[in-house]
């Protein structure tokens, strides 16, 4: 997915500091908010966000006959314990 973002990047030529202002401000209104040492830069950034990959997993569980028997016995015992 690609997105384009526009904003004003304000650079103070004297101090070297940067600030960002809303892209909704017109150039006329912007100039009234600037210090004499500030330079407005109309900044457009194209941001490309990669698609989220779909992860897959595959596995296998192997139980021995003894393990299966133990699981069954545990379930039977649990059922007996739950009955009044």
PDB file of N, CA and C in Angstrom:
ATOM      1  N   UNK A   1       0.844  -1.164   0.000  1.00  0.00           N
ATOM      2  CA  UNK A   1       0.000   0.000   0.000  1.00  0.00           C
ATOM      3  C   UNK A   1       0.897   1.237   0.000  1.00  0.00           C
ATOM      4  N   UNK A   2       0.574   2.180  -0.864  1.00  0.00           N
ATOM      5  CA  UNK A   2       1.339   3.420  -0.941  1.00  0.00           C
ATOM      6  C   UNK A   2       0.468   4.566  -0.448  1.00  0.00           C
ATOM      7  N   UNK A   3       1.095   5.477   0.311  1.00  0.00           N
ATOM      8  CA  UNK A   3       0.397   6.662   0.789  1.00  0.00           C
ATOM      9  C   UNK A   3       1.278   7.869   0.559  1.00  0.00           C
ATOM     10  N   UNK A   4       0.637   8.977   0.222  1.00  0.00           N
ATOM     11  CA  UNK A   4       1.369  10.219   0.039  1.00  0.00           C
ATOM     12  C   UNK A   4       0.984  11.167   1.167  1.00  0.00           C
ATOM     13  N   UNK A   5       1.989  11.720   1.849  1.00  0.00           N
ATOM     14  CA  UNK A   5       1.774  12.644   2.958  1.00  0.00           C
ATOM     15  C   UNK A   5       2.396  13.980   2.598  1.00  0.00           C
ATOM     16  N   UNK A   6       1.633  15.047   2.794  1.00  0.00           N
ATOM     17  CA  UNK A   6       2.131  16.392   2.532  1.00  0.00           C
ATOM     18  C   UNK A   6       2.143  17.166   3.836  1.00  0.00           C
ATOM     19  N   UNK A   7       3.146  18.015   4.012  1.00  0.00           N
ATOM     20  CA  UNK A   7       3.257  18.833   5.211  1.00  0.00           C
ATOM     21  C   UNK A   7       4.209  19.992   4.943  1.00  0.00           C
ATOM     22  N   UNK A   8       4.311  20.887   5.891  1.00  0.00           N
ATOM     23  CA  UNK A   8       5.278  21.974   5.815  1.00  0.00           C
ATOM     24  C   UNK A   8       6.422  21.671   6.771  1.00  0.00           C
ATOM     25  N   UNK A   9       7.625  21.660   6.260  1.00  0.00           N
ATOM     26  CA  UNK A   9       8.818  21.516   7.082  1.00  0.00           C
ATOM     27  C   UNK A   9       9.428  22.909   7.197  1.00  0.00           C
ATOM     28  N   UNK A  10       9.566  23.383   8.428  1.00  0.00           N
ATOM     29  CA  UNK A  10      10.089  24.724   8.670  1.00  0.00           C
ATOM     30  C   UNK A  10      11.502  24.586   9.219  1.00  0.00           C
ATOM     31  N   UNK A  11      12.457  25.210   8.529  1.00  0.00           N
ATOM     32  CA  UNK A  11      13.862  25.154   8.930  1.00  0.00           C
ATOM     33  C   UNK A  11      14.282  26.545   9.385  1.00  0.00           C
ATOM     34  N   UNK A  12      14.837  26.605  10.595  1.00  0.00           N
ATOM     35  CA  UNK A  12      15.388  27.872  11.079  1.00  0.00           C
ATOM     36  C   UNK A  12      16.846  27.911  10.643  1.00  0.00           C
ATOM     37  N   UNK A  13      17.144  28.791   9.688  1.00  0.00           N
ATOM     38  CA  UNK A  13      18.492  28.864   9.111  1.00  0.00           C
ATOM     39  C   UNK A  13      19.521  29.311  10.140  1.00  0.00           C
ATOM     40  N   UNK A  14      19.094  30.028  11.155  1.00  0.00           N
ATOM     41  CA  UNK A  14      20.020  30.540  12.174  1.00  0.00           C
ATOM     42  C   UNK A  14      20.397  29.450  13.183  1.00  0.00           C
ATOM     43  N   UNK A  15      19.387  28.737  13.680  1.00  0.00           N
ATOM     44  CA  UNK A  15      19.641  27.747  14.740  1.00  0.00           C
ATOM     45  C   UNK A  15      19.802  26.326  14.210  1.00  0.00           C
ATOM     46  N   UNK A  16      19.277  26.069  12.999  1.00  0.00           N
ATOM     47  CA  UNK A  16      19.341  24.711  12.448  1.00  0.00           C
ATOM     48  C   UNK A  16      18.223  23.810  12.952  1.00  0.00           C
ATOM     49  N   UNK A  17      17.276  24.368  13.708  1.00  0.00           N
ATOM     50  CA  UNK A  17      16.164  23.571  14.230  1.00  0.00           C
ATOM     51  C   UNK A  17      15.082  23.411  13.163  1.00  0.00           C
ATOM     52  N   UNK A  18      14.349  22.302  13.281  1.00  0.00           N
ATOM     53  CA  UNK A  18      13.264  21.981  12.357  1.00  0.00           C
ATOM     54  C   UNK A  18      11.956  21.904  13.128  1.00  0.00           C
ATOM     55  N   UNK A  19      10.879  22.201  12.450  1.00  0.00           N
ATOM     56  CA  UNK A  19       9.541  21.938  12.992  1.00  0.00           C
ATOM     57  C   UNK A  19       8.617  21.609  11.827  1.00  0.00           C
ATOM     58  N   UNK A  20       7.521  20.961  12.141  1.00  0.00           N
ATOM     59  CA  UNK A  20       6.576  20.526  11.117  1.00  0.00           C
ATOM     60  C   UNK A  20       5.232  21.186  11.404  1.00  0.00           C
ATOM     61  N   UNK A  21       4.608  21.719  10.360  1.00  0.00           N
ATOM     62  CA  UNK A  21       3.292  22.333  10.488  1.00  0.00           C
ATOM     63  C   UNK A  21       2.290  21.596   9.608  1.00  0.00           C
ATOM     64  N   UNK A  22       1.043  21.764   9.956  1.00  0.00           N
ATOM     65  CA  UNK A  22      -0.043  21.109   9.231  1.00  0.00           C
ATOM     66  C   UNK A  22      -0.039  21.493   7.754  1.00  0.00           C
ATOM     67  N   UNK A  23      -0.326  20.541   6.890  1.00  0.00           N
ATOM     68  CA  UNK A  23      -0.392  20.844   5.458  1.00  0.00           C
ATOM     69  C   UNK A  23      -1.631  21.665   5.108  1.00  0.00           C
ATOM     70  N   UNK A  24      -2.558  21.816   6.047  1.00  0.00           N
ATOM     71  CA  UNK A  24      -3.798  22.544   5.790  1.00  0.00           C
ATOM     72  C   UNK A  24      -3.584  24.062   5.818  1.00  0.00           C
ATOM     73  N   UNK A  25      -2.453  24.505   6.349  1.00  0.00           N
ATOM     74  CA  UNK A  25      -2.153  25.928   6.418  1.00  0.00           C
ATOM     75  C   UNK A  25      -1.734  26.415   5.033  1.00  0.00           C
ATOM     76  N   UNK A  26      -2.364  27.487   4.583  1.00  0.00           N
ATOM     77  CA  UNK A  26      -2.007  28.046   3.272  1.00  0.00           C
ATOM     78  C   UNK A  26      -0.663  28.772   3.380  1.00  0.00           C
ATOM     79  N   UNK A  27      -0.031  28.959   2.254  1.00  0.00           N
ATOM     80  CA  UNK A  27       1.277  29.633   2.229  1.00  0.00           C
ATOM     81  C   UNK A  27       1.149  31.055   2.784  1.00  0.00           C
ATOM     82  N   UNK A  28       0.045  31.721   2.507  1.00  0.00           N
ATOM     83  CA  UNK A  28      -0.167  33.083   2.997  1.00  0.00           C
ATOM     84  C   UNK A  28      -0.225  33.097   4.530  1.00  0.00           C
ATOM     85  N   UNK A  29      -1.011  32.189   5.113  1.00  0.00           N
ATOM     86  CA  UNK A  29      -1.106  32.098   6.574  1.00  0.00           C
ATOM     87  C   UNK A  29       0.207  31.607   7.177  1.00  0.00           C
ATOM     88  N   UNK A  30       0.886  30.759   6.462  1.00  0.00           N
ATOM     89  CA  UNK A  30       2.146  30.211   6.945  1.00  0.00           C
ATOM     90  C   UNK A  30       3.190  31.319   7.105  1.00  0.00           C
ATOM     91  N   UNK A  31       3.267  32.196   6.126  1.00  0.00           N
ATOM     92  CA  UNK A  31       4.275  33.259   6.170  1.00  0.00           C
ATOM     93  C   UNK A  31       4.086  34.175   7.364  1.00  0.00           C
ATOM     94  N   UNK A  32       2.846  34.347   7.823  1.00  0.00           N
ATOM     95  CA  UNK A  32       2.590  35.196   8.987  1.00  0.00           C
ATOM     96  C   UNK A  32       3.040  34.536  10.285  1.00  0.00           C
ATOM     97  N   UNK A  33       3.235  33.221  10.279  1.00  0.00           N
ATOM     98  CA  UNK A  33       3.644  32.487  11.478  1.00  0.00           C
ATOM     99  C   UNK A  33       5.151  32.247  11.546  1.00  0.00           C
ATOM    100  N   UNK A  34       5.883  32.656  10.528  1.00  0.00           N
ATOM    101  CA  UNK A  34       7.315  32.374  10.464  1.00  0.00           C
ATOM    102  C   UNK A  34       8.147  33.496  11.065  1.00  0.00           C
ATOM    103  N   UNK A  35       9.262  33.102  11.672  1.00  0.00           N
ATOM    104  CA  UNK A  35      10.269  34.067  12.108  1.00  0.00           C
ATOM    105  C   UNK A  35      11.051  34.493  10.865  1.00  0.00           C
ATOM    106  N   UNK A  36      11.738  35.611  10.925  1.00  0.00           N
ATOM    107  CA  UNK A  36      12.512  36.061   9.760  1.00  0.00           C
ATOM    108  C   UNK A  36      13.597  35.075   9.315  1.00  0.00           C
ATOM    109  N   UNK A  37      14.080  34.234  10.247  1.00  0.00           N
ATOM    110  CA  UNK A  37      15.157  33.293   9.901  1.00  0.00           C
ATOM    111  C   UNK A  37      14.627  31.932   9.462  1.00  0.00           C
ATOM    112  N   UNK A  38      13.292  31.741   9.442  1.00  0.00           N
ATOM    113  CA  UNK A  38      12.713  30.443   9.094  1.00  0.00           C
ATOM    114  C   UNK A  38      12.381  30.360   7.610  1.00  0.00           C
ATOM    115  N   UNK A  39      12.636  29.168   7.058  1.00  0.00           N
ATOM    116  CA  UNK A  39      12.379  28.903   5.639  1.00  0.00           C
ATOM    117  C   UNK A  39      11.355  27.777   5.540  1.00  0.00           C
ATOM    118  N   UNK A  40      10.214  28.008   4.858  1.00  0.00           N
ATOM    119  CA  UNK A  40       9.233  26.930   4.694  1.00  0.00           C
ATOM    120  C   UNK A  40       9.589  26.031   3.516  1.00  0.00           C
ATOM    121  N   UNK A  41       9.426  24.736   3.732  1.00  0.00           N
ATOM    122  CA  UNK A  41       9.669  23.756   2.672  1.00  0.00           C
ATOM    123  C   UNK A  41       8.395  22.928   2.514  1.00  0.00           C
ATOM    124  N   UNK A  42       7.844  22.936   1.313  1.00  0.00           N
ATOM    125  CA  UNK A  42       6.666  22.128   1.012  1.00  0.00           C
ATOM    126  C   UNK A  42       7.149  20.687   0.852  1.00  0.00           C
ATOM    127  N   UNK A  43       6.845  19.845   1.826  1.00  0.00           N
ATOM    128  CA  UNK A  43       7.380  18.483   1.865  1.00  0.00           C
ATOM    129  C   UNK A  43       6.305  17.466   1.503  1.00  0.00           C
ATOM    130  N   UNK A  44       6.620  16.625   0.537  1.00  0.00           N
ATOM    131  CA  UNK A  44       5.750  15.518   0.156  1.00  0.00           C
ATOM    132  C   UNK A  44       6.533  14.223   0.331  1.00  0.00           C
ATOM    133  N   UNK A  45       5.960  13.305   1.100  1.00  0.00           N
ATOM    134  CA  UNK A  45       6.609  12.010   1.335  1.00  0.00           C
ATOM    135  C   UNK A  45       5.722  10.904   0.792  1.00  0.00           C
ATOM    136  N   UNK A  46       6.322  10.025   0.040  1.00  0.00           N
ATOM    137  CA  UNK A  46       5.620   8.825  -0.414  1.00  0.00           C
ATOM    138  C   UNK A  46       6.068   7.674   0.474  1.00  0.00           C
ATOM    139  N   UNK A  47       5.113   7.106   1.178  1.00  0.00           N
ATOM    140  CA  UNK A  47       5.404   6.024   2.113  1.00  0.00           C
ATOM    141  C   UNK A  47       4.806   4.747   1.562  1.00  0.00           C
ATOM    142  N   UNK A  48       5.637   3.732   1.454  1.00  0.00           N
ATOM    143  CA  UNK A  48       5.160   2.437   0.969  1.00  0.00           C
ATOM    144  C   UNK A  48       5.173   1.455   2.130  1.00  0.00           C
ATOM    145  N   UNK A  49       3.990   0.983   2.479  1.00  0.00           N
ATOM    146  CA  UNK A  49       3.845   0.038   3.576  1.00  0.00           C
ATOM    147  C   UNK A  49       3.675  -1.350   2.964  1.00  0.00           C
ATOM    148  N   UNK A  50       4.589  -2.263   3.270  1.00  0.00           N
ATOM    149  CA  UNK A  50       4.459  -3.606   2.678  1.00  0.00           C
ATOM    150  C   UNK A  50       3.233  -4.329   3.224  1.00  0.00           C
ATOM    151  N   UNK A  51       2.705  -5.209   2.410  1.00  0.00           N
ATOM    152  CA  UNK A  51       1.565  -6.006   2.842  1.00  0.00           C
ATOM    153  C   UNK A  51       1.981  -6.900   4.000  1.00  0.00           C
ATOM    154  N   UNK A  52       1.035  -7.124   4.894  1.00  0.00           N
ATOM    155  CA  UNK A  52       1.298  -8.007   6.025  1.00  0.00           C
ATOM    156  C   UNK A  52       1.333  -9.442   5.508  1.00  0.00           C
ATOM    157  N   UNK A  53       2.446 -10.118   5.717  1.00  0.00           N
ATOM    158  CA  UNK A  53       2.511 -11.496   5.217  1.00  0.00           C
ATOM    159  C   UNK A  53       1.587 -12.408   6.030  1.00  0.00           C
ATOM    160  N   UNK A  54       1.026 -13.377   5.362  1.00  0.00           N
ATOM    161  CA  UNK A  54       0.212 -14.376   6.047  1.00  0.00           C
ATOM    162  C   UNK A  54       1.136 -15.537   6.390  1.00  0.00           C
ATOM    163  N   UNK A  55       1.331 -15.714   7.684  1.00  0.00           N
ATOM    164  CA  UNK A  55       2.227 -16.771   8.139  1.00  0.00           C
ATOM    165  C   UNK A  55       1.476 -18.091   8.209  1.00  0.00           C
ATOM    166  N   UNK A  56       2.147 -19.141   7.878  1.00  0.00           N
ATOM    167  CA  UNK A  56       1.553 -20.473   7.919  1.00  0.00           C
ATOM    168  C   UNK A  56       2.451 -21.384   8.740  1.00  0.00           C
ATOM    169  N   UNK A  57       1.819 -22.310   9.399  1.00  0.00           N
ATOM    170  CA  UNK A  57       2.565 -23.295  10.174  1.00  0.00           C
ATOM    171  C   UNK A  57       2.018 -24.680   9.839  1.00  0.00           C
ATOM    172  N   UNK A  58       2.896 -25.643   9.895  1.00  0.00           N
ATOM    173  CA  UNK A  58       2.499 -27.014   9.614  1.00  0.00           C
ATOM    174  C   UNK A  58       3.236 -27.898  10.618  1.00  0.00           C
ATOM    175  N   UNK A  59       2.537 -28.839  11.170  1.00  0.00           N
ATOM    176  CA  UNK A  59       3.185 -29.707  12.140  1.00  0.00           C
ATOM    177  C   UNK A  59       2.494 -31.053  12.212  1.00  0.00           C
ATOM    178  N   UNK A  60       3.084 -31.896  13.012  1.00  0.00           N
ATOM    179  CA  UNK A  60       2.548 -33.241  13.165  1.00  0.00           C
ATOM    180  C   UNK A  60       2.817 -33.682  14.596  1.00  0.00           C
ATOM    181  N   UNK A  61       1.806 -34.310  15.199  1.00  0.00           N
ATOM    182  CA  UNK A  61       1.970 -34.828  16.556  1.00  0.00           C
ATOM    183  C   UNK A  61       1.787 -36.337  16.482  1.00  0.00           C
ATOM    184  N   UNK A  62       2.759 -37.037  17.001  1.00  0.00           N
ATOM    185  CA  UNK A  62       2.668 -38.499  17.018  1.00  0.00           C
ATOM    186  C   UNK A  62       2.622 -38.951  18.476  1.00  0.00           C
ATOM    187  N   UNK A  63       1.603 -39.710  18.798  1.00  0.00           N
ATOM    188  CA  UNK A  63       1.460 -40.246  20.143  1.00  0.00           C
ATOM    189  C   UNK A  63       1.603 -41.767  20.091  1.00  0.00           C
ATOM    190  N   UNK A  64       2.222 -42.283  21.117  1.00  0.00           N
ATOM    191  CA  UNK A  64       2.324 -43.740  21.216  1.00  0.00           C
ATOM    192  C   UNK A  64       1.018 -44.270  21.785  1.00  0.00           C
ATOM    193  N   UNK A  65       0.820 -45.560  21.689  1.00  0.00           N
ATOM    194  CA  UNK A  65      -0.389 -46.176  22.239  1.00  0.00           C
ATOM    195  C   UNK A  65      -0.456 -45.963  23.747  1.00  0.00           C
ATOM    196  N   UNK A  66       0.695 -45.974  24.404  1.00  0.00           N
ATOM    197  CA  UNK A  66       0.750 -45.761  25.860  1.00  0.00           C
ATOM    198  C   UNK A  66       0.274 -44.342  26.187  1.00  0.00           C
ATOM    199  N   UNK A  67       0.729 -43.346  25.433  1.00  0.00           N
ATOM    200  CA  UNK A  67       0.322 -41.958  25.673  1.00  0.00           C
ATOM    201  C   UNK A  67      -1.187 -41.784  25.449  1.00  0.00           C
ATOM    202  N   UNK A  68      -1.707 -42.416  24.420  1.00  0.00           N
ATOM    203  CA  UNK A  68      -3.142 -42.334  24.143  1.00  0.00           C
ATOM    204  C   UNK A  68      -3.929 -42.967  25.292  1.00  0.00           C
ATOM    205  N   UNK A  69      -3.471 -44.092  25.763  1.00  0.00           N
ATOM    206  CA  UNK A  69      -4.141 -44.768  26.885  1.00  0.00           C
ATOM    207  C   UNK A  69      -4.115 -43.898  28.134  1.00  0.00           C
ATOM    208  N   UNK A  70      -2.974 -43.260  28.411  1.00  0.00           N
ATOM    209  CA  UNK A  70      -2.870 -42.389  29.581  1.00  0.00           C
ATOM    210  C   UNK A  70      -3.813 -41.193  29.467  1.00  0.00           C
ATOM    211  N   UNK A  71      -3.927 -40.620  28.257  1.00  0.00           N
ATOM    212  CA  UNK A  71      -4.846 -39.498  28.054  1.00  0.00           C
ATOM    213  C   UNK A  71      -6.288 -39.930  28.288  1.00  0.00           C
ATOM    214  N   UNK A  72      -6.646 -41.102  27.777  1.00  0.00           N
ATOM    215  CA  UNK A  72      -8.010 -41.611  27.971  1.00  0.00           C
ATOM    216  C   UNK A  72      -8.308 -41.856  29.444  1.00  0.00           C
ATOM    217  N   UNK A  73      -7.357 -42.435  30.156  1.00  0.00           N
ATOM    218  CA  UNK A  73      -7.551 -42.691  31.584  1.00  0.00           C
ATOM    219  C   UNK A  73      -7.701 -41.377  32.355  1.00  0.00           C
ATOM    220  N   UNK A  74      -6.917 -40.366  32.021  1.00  0.00           N
ATOM    221  CA  UNK A  74      -7.029 -39.066  32.681  1.00  0.00           C
ATOM    222  C   UNK A  74      -8.408 -38.470  32.447  1.00  0.00           C
ATOM    223  N   UNK A  75      -8.922 -38.565  31.230  1.00  0.00           N
ATOM    224  CA  UNK A  75     -10.242 -38.028  30.909  1.00  0.00           C
ATOM    225  C   UNK A  75     -11.330 -38.774  31.675  1.00  0.00           C
ATOM    226  N   UNK A  76     -11.206 -40.092  31.739  1.00  0.00           N
ATOM    227  CA  UNK A  76     -12.196 -40.890  32.462  1.00  0.00           C
ATOM    228  C   UNK A  76     -12.166 -40.521  33.946  1.00  0.00           C
ATOM    229  N   UNK A  77     -10.956 -40.374  34.514  1.00  0.00           N
ATOM    230  CA  UNK A  77     -10.841 -40.008  35.920  1.00  0.00           C
ATOM    231  C   UNK A  77     -11.392 -38.607  36.185  1.00  0.00           C
ATOM    232  N   UNK A  78     -11.151 -37.684  35.265  1.00  0.00           N
ATOM    233  CA  UNK A  78     -11.694 -36.328  35.409  1.00  0.00           C
ATOM    234  C   UNK A  78     -13.216 -36.336  35.382  1.00  0.00           C
ATOM    235  N   UNK A  79     -13.792 -37.157  34.475  1.00  0.00           N
ATOM    236  CA  UNK A  79     -15.253 -37.254  34.391  1.00  0.00           C
ATOM    237  C   UNK A  79     -15.829 -37.858  35.671  1.00  0.00           C
ATOM    238  N   UNK A  80     -15.145 -38.859  36.241  1.00  0.00           N
ATOM    239  CA  UNK A  80     -15.603 -39.481  37.487  1.00  0.00           C
ATOM    240  C   UNK A  80     -15.542 -38.494  38.642  1.00  0.00           C
ATOM    241  N   UNK A  81     -14.508 -37.649  38.677  1.00  0.00           N
ATOM    242  CA  UNK A  81     -14.354 -36.676  39.747  1.00  0.00           C
ATOM    243  C   UNK A  81     -15.432 -35.590  39.678  1.00  0.00           C
ATOM    244  N   UNK A  82     -15.921 -35.278  38.475  1.00  0.00           N
ATOM    245  CA  UNK A  82     -16.907 -34.205  38.302  1.00  0.00           C
ATOM    246  C   UNK A  82     -18.325 -34.658  38.656  1.00  0.00           C
ATOM    247  N   UNK A  83     -18.576 -35.949  38.607  1.00  0.00           N
ATOM    248  CA  UNK A  83     -19.924 -36.454  38.905  1.00  0.00           C
ATOM    249  C   UNK A  83     -20.150 -36.456  40.416  1.00  0.00           C
ATOM    250  N   UNK A  84     -21.381 -36.017  40.845  1.00  0.00           N
ATOM    251  CA  UNK A  84     -21.679 -35.982  42.305  1.00  0.00           C
ATOM    252  C   UNK A  84     -21.860 -37.329  42.923  1.00  0.00           C
TER     253      UNK A  84
END
